[in-house]
């Protein structure tokens, strides 16, 4: 036996239809330049001009990540996505828009989280993650108690976390898990706070397909400062 941690297992497809030639070329040329270091690293070391770092977990085709990066050139956008077609699509957005403040981890977000220092992120987005709707597959969902603990570790006090889904039971489950943590507050006051898209939200093609069983639910949490 060794002391090394077991390899993380990512569920779901890692690749779909053939990747278009231009995007395949970007996977070979641009992606290596955008990958974060293999070991522990401080996000702001990757973009010295940035004043804070945000993370999007499961960025899909990259539309939201790219638009947020374009709107906030002084912020470093980290993205994690194991689905290779999504990575290829995101690279196209980065290339076409000339975004220098995006870094991409083409793998499991939990591996990336483990390499980040405490309190190193100002925002985290988890938008429409795989719902694994069958009860026997619920344990594959991203939002598990151990993931919530890791997110609390890497978010700085006052940091924001947005979780969105169009599956009712996942919204309920995620809300319960974040509120079970002593590190997160949910400041919502009325139904409009979770039913209406936030003012800074960027809709994606996946969201617009309405594949879930409820209208989109947006849960915005705040990382609570540790008691003195």
C-alpha atoms as a PDB file:
ATOM      1  CA  UNK A   1       0.000   0.000   0.000  1.00  0.00           C
ATOM      2  CA  UNK A   2       1.030   3.628  -0.550  1.00  0.00           C
ATOM      3  CA  UNK A   3       0.045   6.851   1.142  1.00  0.00           C
ATOM      4  CA  UNK A   4      -1.169   8.431  -2.105  1.00  0.00           C
ATOM      5  CA  UNK A   5      -4.839   9.402  -2.357  1.00  0.00           C
ATOM      6  CA  UNK A   6      -7.086   7.284  -4.574  1.00  0.00           C
ATOM      7  CA  UNK A   7      -7.786   8.655  -8.028  1.00  0.00           C
ATOM      8  CA  UNK A   8     -10.961  10.698  -8.294  1.00  0.00           C
ATOM      9  CA  UNK A   9     -13.714   9.252 -10.423  1.00  0.00           C
ATOM     10  CA  UNK A  10     -15.690  11.593 -12.653  1.00  0.00           C
ATOM     11  CA  UNK A  11     -19.104  10.293 -13.643  1.00  0.00           C
ATOM     12  CA  UNK A  12     -20.792  11.048 -16.947  1.00  0.00           C
ATOM     13  CA  UNK A  13     -19.424  11.277 -20.452  1.00  0.00           C
ATOM     14  CA  UNK A  14     -15.917  12.613 -20.954  1.00  0.00           C
ATOM     15  CA  UNK A  15     -16.307  12.989 -24.710  1.00  0.00           C
ATOM     16  CA  UNK A  16     -19.209  13.126 -27.158  1.00  0.00           C
ATOM     17  CA  UNK A  17     -19.310  13.842 -30.870  1.00  0.00           C
ATOM     18  CA  UNK A  18     -16.020  14.341 -32.770  1.00  0.00           C
ATOM     19  CA  UNK A  19     -14.392  17.663 -31.942  1.00  0.00           C
ATOM     20  CA  UNK A  20     -14.190  20.086 -34.860  1.00  0.00           C
ATOM     21  CA  UNK A  21     -10.719  20.507 -36.388  1.00  0.00           C
ATOM     22  CA  UNK A  22     -10.249  24.119 -35.271  1.00  0.00           C
ATOM     23  CA  UNK A  23     -11.237  23.309 -31.711  1.00  0.00           C
ATOM     24  CA  UNK A  24      -9.073  20.192 -31.746  1.00  0.00           C
ATOM     25  CA  UNK A  25      -6.129  22.385 -32.747  1.00  0.00           C
ATOM     26  CA  UNK A  26      -6.854  24.705 -29.803  1.00  0.00           C
ATOM     27  CA  UNK A  27      -6.809  21.688 -27.500  1.00  0.00           C
ATOM     28  CA  UNK A  28      -3.222  21.109 -28.640  1.00  0.00           C
ATOM     29  CA  UNK A  29      -1.988  24.704 -28.732  1.00  0.00           C
ATOM     30  CA  UNK A  30      -4.039  26.935 -26.421  1.00  0.00           C
ATOM     31  CA  UNK A  31      -5.118  24.545 -23.667  1.00  0.00           C
ATOM     32  CA  UNK A  32      -1.570  23.754 -22.462  1.00  0.00           C
ATOM     33  CA  UNK A  33      -1.023  27.492 -21.921  1.00  0.00           C
ATOM     34  CA  UNK A  34      -4.243  27.875 -19.945  1.00  0.00           C
ATOM     35  CA  UNK A  35      -3.940  24.866 -17.629  1.00  0.00           C
ATOM     36  CA  UNK A  36      -3.174  25.723 -13.983  1.00  0.00           C
ATOM     37  CA  UNK A  37      -0.024  24.171 -12.501  1.00  0.00           C
ATOM     38  CA  UNK A  38      -0.191  20.477 -11.648  1.00  0.00           C
ATOM     39  CA  UNK A  39       0.587  21.076  -7.971  1.00  0.00           C
ATOM     40  CA  UNK A  40      -0.611  23.545  -5.379  1.00  0.00           C
ATOM     41  CA  UNK A  41      -0.805  27.123  -6.623  1.00  0.00           C
ATOM     42  CA  UNK A  42      -2.148  30.555  -5.765  1.00  0.00           C
ATOM     43  CA  UNK A  43      -4.696  31.670  -8.390  1.00  0.00           C
ATOM     44  CA  UNK A  44      -3.590  35.287  -8.523  1.00  0.00           C
ATOM     45  CA  UNK A  45      -0.062  34.197  -9.398  1.00  0.00           C
ATOM     46  CA  UNK A  46      -1.501  33.146 -12.776  1.00  0.00           C
ATOM     47  CA  UNK A  47      -2.732  36.648 -13.586  1.00  0.00           C
ATOM     48  CA  UNK A  48      -0.836  39.348 -11.661  1.00  0.00           C
ATOM     49  CA  UNK A  49      -3.152  42.074 -12.970  1.00  0.00           C
ATOM     50  CA  UNK A  50      -6.220  40.422 -11.429  1.00  0.00           C
ATOM     51  CA  UNK A  51      -7.429  41.589  -8.021  1.00  0.00           C
ATOM     52  CA  UNK A  52      -9.460  38.460  -7.235  1.00  0.00           C
ATOM     53  CA  UNK A  53     -10.179  34.969  -8.567  1.00  0.00           C
ATOM     54  CA  UNK A  54     -13.493  33.291  -9.413  1.00  0.00           C
ATOM     55  CA  UNK A  55     -14.154  29.627 -10.157  1.00  0.00           C
ATOM     56  CA  UNK A  56     -16.819  28.038 -12.351  1.00  0.00           C
ATOM     57  CA  UNK A  57     -17.311  24.330 -11.721  1.00  0.00           C
ATOM     58  CA  UNK A  58     -18.673  22.481 -14.739  1.00  0.00           C
ATOM     59  CA  UNK A  59     -18.643  25.324 -17.272  1.00  0.00           C
ATOM     60  CA  UNK A  60     -20.358  23.319 -20.028  1.00  0.00           C
ATOM     61  CA  UNK A  61     -19.674  25.036 -23.341  1.00  0.00           C
ATOM     62  CA  UNK A  62     -17.969  27.984 -21.647  1.00  0.00           C
ATOM     63  CA  UNK A  63     -20.483  30.714 -22.577  1.00  0.00           C
ATOM     64  CA  UNK A  64     -21.019  31.903 -19.011  1.00  0.00           C
ATOM     65  CA  UNK A  65     -17.341  31.749 -18.091  1.00  0.00           C
ATOM     66  CA  UNK A  66     -16.269  33.654 -21.191  1.00  0.00           C
ATOM     67  CA  UNK A  67     -18.875  36.380 -20.742  1.00  0.00           C
ATOM     68  CA  UNK A  68     -17.996  36.867 -17.085  1.00  0.00           C
ATOM     69  CA  UNK A  69     -14.318  37.092 -18.040  1.00  0.00           C
ATOM     70  CA  UNK A  70     -15.118  39.694 -20.692  1.00  0.00           C
ATOM     71  CA  UNK A  71     -17.206  41.732 -18.254  1.00  0.00           C
ATOM     72  CA  UNK A  72     -14.551  41.567 -15.529  1.00  0.00           C
ATOM     73  CA  UNK A  73     -11.075  41.870 -17.095  1.00  0.00           C
ATOM     74  CA  UNK A  74      -9.586  42.506 -13.639  1.00  0.00           C
ATOM     75  CA  UNK A  75     -10.775  39.106 -12.366  1.00  0.00           C
ATOM     76  CA  UNK A  76      -9.132  35.735 -13.011  1.00  0.00           C
ATOM     77  CA  UNK A  77     -11.715  33.170 -14.139  1.00  0.00           C
ATOM     78  CA  UNK A  78     -10.804  29.571 -13.312  1.00  0.00           C
ATOM     79  CA  UNK A  79     -12.931  26.921 -14.980  1.00  0.00           C
ATOM     80  CA  UNK A  80     -13.133  23.184 -14.330  1.00  0.00           C
ATOM     81  CA  UNK A  81     -14.797  20.794 -16.775  1.00  0.00           C
ATOM     82  CA  UNK A  82     -14.011  17.127 -17.521  1.00  0.00           C
ATOM     83  CA  UNK A  83     -16.180  16.907 -20.679  1.00  0.00           C
ATOM     84  CA  UNK A  84     -13.738  17.356 -23.552  1.00  0.00           C
ATOM     85  CA  UNK A  85     -16.260  18.759 -26.020  1.00  0.00           C
ATOM     86  CA  UNK A  86     -17.130  21.459 -23.491  1.00  0.00           C
ATOM     87  CA  UNK A  87     -13.463  22.282 -23.006  1.00  0.00           C
ATOM     88  CA  UNK A  88     -13.020  22.560 -26.778  1.00  0.00           C
ATOM     89  CA  UNK A  89     -16.014  24.905 -27.005  1.00  0.00           C
ATOM     90  CA  UNK A  90     -14.704  27.063 -24.162  1.00  0.00           C
ATOM     91  CA  UNK A  91     -11.317  27.352 -25.864  1.00  0.00           C
ATOM     92  CA  UNK A  92     -13.042  28.675 -28.966  1.00  0.00           C
ATOM     93  CA  UNK A  93     -14.754  31.387 -26.901  1.00  0.00           C
ATOM     94  CA  UNK A  94     -11.481  32.322 -25.210  1.00  0.00           C
ATOM     95  CA  UNK A  95      -9.640  32.456 -28.522  1.00  0.00           C
ATOM     96  CA  UNK A  96     -12.282  34.411 -30.440  1.00  0.00           C
ATOM     97  CA  UNK A  97     -12.696  36.987 -27.686  1.00  0.00           C
ATOM     98  CA  UNK A  98      -8.991  37.277 -26.882  1.00  0.00           C
ATOM     99  CA  UNK A  99      -9.533  36.597 -23.178  1.00  0.00           C
ATOM    100  CA  UNK A 100      -6.308  36.649 -21.202  1.00  0.00           C
ATOM    101  CA  UNK A 101      -7.916  36.199 -17.776  1.00  0.00           C
ATOM    102  CA  UNK A 102      -9.206  32.618 -18.146  1.00  0.00           C
ATOM    103  CA  UNK A 103      -7.500  29.424 -16.965  1.00  0.00           C
ATOM    104  CA  UNK A 104      -8.962  25.983 -17.647  1.00  0.00           C
ATOM    105  CA  UNK A 105      -8.660  22.731 -15.720  1.00  0.00           C
ATOM    106  CA  UNK A 106      -9.825  19.982 -18.071  1.00  0.00           C
ATOM    107  CA  UNK A 107     -10.640  17.510 -15.326  1.00  0.00           C
ATOM    108  CA  UNK A 108     -12.515  16.937 -12.088  1.00  0.00           C
ATOM    109  CA  UNK A 109     -13.150  20.107 -10.082  1.00  0.00           C
ATOM    110  CA  UNK A 110     -12.408  18.313  -6.817  1.00  0.00           C
ATOM    111  CA  UNK A 111      -8.817  17.815  -7.930  1.00  0.00           C
ATOM    112  CA  UNK A 112      -8.518  21.536  -8.648  1.00  0.00           C
ATOM    113  CA  UNK A 113     -10.079  22.498  -5.311  1.00  0.00           C
ATOM    114  CA  UNK A 114      -7.563  20.354  -3.448  1.00  0.00           C
ATOM    115  CA  UNK A 115      -4.702  22.372  -4.990  1.00  0.00           C
ATOM    116  CA  UNK A 116      -6.058  25.788  -3.984  1.00  0.00           C
ATOM    117  CA  UNK A 117      -5.014  27.598  -0.807  1.00  0.00           C
ATOM    118  CA  UNK A 118      -7.479  28.540   1.898  1.00  0.00           C
ATOM    119  CA  UNK A 119      -9.561  31.657   1.226  1.00  0.00           C
ATOM    120  CA  UNK A 120      -8.177  32.075  -2.299  1.00  0.00           C
ATOM    121  CA  UNK A 121     -11.452  32.586  -4.193  1.00  0.00           C
ATOM    122  CA  UNK A 122     -13.959  35.438  -4.124  1.00  0.00           C
ATOM    123  CA  UNK A 123     -16.747  33.699  -6.080  1.00  0.00           C
ATOM    124  CA  UNK A 124     -17.781  30.207  -7.145  1.00  0.00           C
ATOM    125  CA  UNK A 125     -20.399  29.305  -9.765  1.00  0.00           C
ATOM    126  CA  UNK A 126     -22.055  25.876  -9.952  1.00  0.00           C
ATOM    127  CA  UNK A 127     -24.593  26.293 -12.730  1.00  0.00           C
ATOM    128  CA  UNK A 128     -26.879  23.464 -13.788  1.00  0.00           C
ATOM    129  CA  UNK A 129     -24.608  20.581 -12.797  1.00  0.00           C
ATOM    130  CA  UNK A 130     -25.484  17.047 -13.862  1.00  0.00           C
ATOM    131  CA  UNK A 131     -28.625  16.286 -11.799  1.00  0.00           C
ATOM    132  CA  UNK A 132     -28.295  12.492 -11.772  1.00  0.00           C
ATOM    133  CA  UNK A 133     -32.090  12.355 -11.317  1.00  0.00           C
ATOM    134  CA  UNK A 134     -32.389   8.632 -10.576  1.00  0.00           C
ATOM    135  CA  UNK A 135     -32.390   8.052  -6.821  1.00  0.00           C
ATOM    136  CA  UNK A 136     -29.708   5.373  -7.034  1.00  0.00           C
ATOM    137  CA  UNK A 137     -27.405   7.876  -8.752  1.00  0.00           C
ATOM    138  CA  UNK A 138     -27.927  10.813  -6.359  1.00  0.00           C
ATOM    139  CA  UNK A 139     -24.619  10.035  -4.661  1.00  0.00           C
ATOM    140  CA  UNK A 140     -22.887  11.045  -7.902  1.00  0.00           C
ATOM    141  CA  UNK A 141     -24.079  14.626  -7.575  1.00  0.00           C
ATOM    142  CA  UNK A 142     -21.399  17.254  -7.084  1.00  0.00           C
ATOM    143  CA  UNK A 143     -22.897  18.852  -3.984  1.00  0.00           C
ATOM    144  CA  UNK A 144     -21.937  16.442  -1.220  1.00  0.00           C
ATOM    145  CA  UNK A 145     -20.983  17.351   2.372  1.00  0.00           C
ATOM    146  CA  UNK A 146     -17.269  16.932   1.671  1.00  0.00           C
ATOM    147  CA  UNK A 147     -17.483  19.207  -1.385  1.00  0.00           C
ATOM    148  CA  UNK A 148     -19.355  21.856   0.594  1.00  0.00           C
ATOM    149  CA  UNK A 149     -16.548  21.746   3.175  1.00  0.00           C
ATOM    150  CA  UNK A 150     -13.911  22.210   0.472  1.00  0.00           C
ATOM    151  CA  UNK A 151     -15.817  25.122  -1.048  1.00  0.00           C
ATOM    152  CA  UNK A 152     -16.004  26.758   2.371  1.00  0.00           C
ATOM    153  CA  UNK A 153     -12.249  26.305   2.736  1.00  0.00           C
ATOM    154  CA  UNK A 154     -11.298  27.959  -0.556  1.00  0.00           C
ATOM    155  CA  UNK A 155     -13.802  30.834  -0.390  1.00  0.00           C
ATOM    156  CA  UNK A 156     -12.678  33.907   1.475  1.00  0.00           C
ATOM    157  CA  UNK A 157     -14.959  35.427   4.150  1.00  0.00           C
ATOM    158  CA  UNK A 158     -17.724  37.319   2.416  1.00  0.00           C
ATOM    159  CA  UNK A 159     -17.173  35.298  -0.769  1.00  0.00           C
ATOM    160  CA  UNK A 160     -20.182  34.375  -2.890  1.00  0.00           C
ATOM    161  CA  UNK A 161     -21.327  31.008  -4.198  1.00  0.00           C
ATOM    162  CA  UNK A 162     -24.104  30.587  -6.749  1.00  0.00           C
ATOM    163  CA  UNK A 163     -25.797  27.227  -7.285  1.00  0.00           C
ATOM    164  CA  UNK A 164     -28.407  26.902 -10.037  1.00  0.00           C
ATOM    165  CA  UNK A 165     -30.471  23.934 -11.174  1.00  0.00           C
ATOM    166  CA  UNK A 166     -33.749  23.135 -12.877  1.00  0.00           C
ATOM    167  CA  UNK A 167     -34.333  19.940 -10.882  1.00  0.00           C
ATOM    168  CA  UNK A 168     -36.481  20.516  -7.815  1.00  0.00           C
ATOM    169  CA  UNK A 169     -35.097  17.775  -5.604  1.00  0.00           C
ATOM    170  CA  UNK A 170     -31.506  18.814  -6.348  1.00  0.00           C
ATOM    171  CA  UNK A 171     -32.328  22.404  -5.384  1.00  0.00           C
ATOM    172  CA  UNK A 172     -33.789  21.179  -2.085  1.00  0.00           C
ATOM    173  CA  UNK A 173     -30.863  18.830  -1.468  1.00  0.00           C
ATOM    174  CA  UNK A 174     -28.221  21.469  -2.239  1.00  0.00           C
ATOM    175  CA  UNK A 175     -29.954  24.070  -0.096  1.00  0.00           C
ATOM    176  CA  UNK A 176     -30.046  21.656   2.821  1.00  0.00           C
ATOM    177  CA  UNK A 177     -26.382  20.759   2.465  1.00  0.00           C
ATOM    178  CA  UNK A 178     -25.122  24.317   2.266  1.00  0.00           C
ATOM    179  CA  UNK A 179     -27.270  25.416   5.204  1.00  0.00           C
ATOM    180  CA  UNK A 180     -26.074  22.413   7.220  1.00  0.00           C
ATOM    181  CA  UNK A 181     -22.603  23.951   7.008  1.00  0.00           C
ATOM    182  CA  UNK A 182     -21.771  26.593   9.631  1.00  0.00           C
ATOM    183  CA  UNK A 183     -19.809  28.449   6.956  1.00  0.00           C
ATOM    184  CA  UNK A 184     -22.612  29.496   4.584  1.00  0.00           C
ATOM    185  CA  UNK A 185     -25.539  31.882   4.846  1.00  0.00           C
ATOM    186  CA  UNK A 186     -28.464  32.118   2.440  1.00  0.00           C
ATOM    187  CA  UNK A 187     -29.731  35.718   2.573  1.00  0.00           C
ATOM    188  CA  UNK A 188     -32.831  35.163   0.407  1.00  0.00           C
ATOM    189  CA  UNK A 189     -35.952  36.903   1.722  1.00  0.00           C
ATOM    190  CA  UNK A 190     -38.665  36.082  -0.814  1.00  0.00           C
ATOM    191  CA  UNK A 191     -39.392  33.651  -3.659  1.00  0.00           C
ATOM    192  CA  UNK A 192     -38.185  36.136  -6.227  1.00  0.00           C
ATOM    193  CA  UNK A 193     -34.712  35.864  -4.755  1.00  0.00           C
ATOM    194  CA  UNK A 194     -34.375  32.301  -6.041  1.00  0.00           C
ATOM    195  CA  UNK A 195     -36.869  32.205  -8.913  1.00  0.00           C
ATOM    196  CA  UNK A 196     -35.609  35.197 -10.895  1.00  0.00           C
ATOM    197  CA  UNK A 197     -32.191  35.063 -12.558  1.00  0.00           C
ATOM    198  CA  UNK A 198     -29.729  37.330 -10.706  1.00  0.00           C
ATOM    199  CA  UNK A 199     -28.888  40.582 -12.442  1.00  0.00           C
ATOM    200  CA  UNK A 200     -25.381  39.414 -13.348  1.00  0.00           C
ATOM    201  CA  UNK A 201     -26.431  35.954 -14.563  1.00  0.00           C
ATOM    202  CA  UNK A 202     -25.496  34.840 -18.086  1.00  0.00           C
ATOM    203  CA  UNK A 203     -27.899  32.282 -19.575  1.00  0.00           C
ATOM    204  CA  UNK A 204     -26.413  29.329 -21.465  1.00  0.00           C
ATOM    205  CA  UNK A 205     -27.735  27.079 -24.195  1.00  0.00           C
ATOM    206  CA  UNK A 206     -28.120  24.226 -21.726  1.00  0.00           C
ATOM    207  CA  UNK A 207     -30.209  26.365 -19.373  1.00  0.00           C
ATOM    208  CA  UNK A 208     -32.452  27.497 -22.221  1.00  0.00           C
ATOM    209  CA  UNK A 209     -33.265  23.895 -23.143  1.00  0.00           C
ATOM    210  CA  UNK A 210     -35.302  23.548 -19.915  1.00  0.00           C
ATOM    211  CA  UNK A 211     -34.485  19.863 -19.452  1.00  0.00           C
ATOM    212  CA  UNK A 212     -35.363  19.756 -15.755  1.00  0.00           C
ATOM    213  CA  UNK A 213     -38.659  19.354 -13.932  1.00  0.00           C
ATOM    214  CA  UNK A 214     -38.945  22.920 -12.546  1.00  0.00           C
ATOM    215  CA  UNK A 215     -38.103  26.435 -13.731  1.00  0.00           C
ATOM    216  CA  UNK A 216     -34.498  27.382 -12.935  1.00  0.00           C
ATOM    217  CA  UNK A 217     -33.718  27.922  -9.264  1.00  0.00           C
ATOM    218  CA  UNK A 218     -30.856  30.258  -8.279  1.00  0.00           C
ATOM    219  CA  UNK A 219     -29.397  29.906  -4.794  1.00  0.00           C
ATOM    220  CA  UNK A 220     -26.852  32.564  -3.794  1.00  0.00           C
ATOM    221  CA  UNK A 221     -24.858  31.822  -0.638  1.00  0.00           C
ATOM    222  CA  UNK A 222     -22.399  33.955   1.320  1.00  0.00           C
ATOM    223  CA  UNK A 223     -19.295  32.572   3.007  1.00  0.00           C
ATOM    224  CA  UNK A 224     -19.593  33.488   6.664  1.00  0.00           C
ATOM    225  CA  UNK A 225     -16.559  34.948   8.394  1.00  0.00           C
ATOM    226  CA  UNK A 226     -15.084  32.777  11.106  1.00  0.00           C
ATOM    227  CA  UNK A 227     -16.020  33.915  14.620  1.00  0.00           C
ATOM    228  CA  UNK A 228     -13.301  35.886  16.369  1.00  0.00           C
END
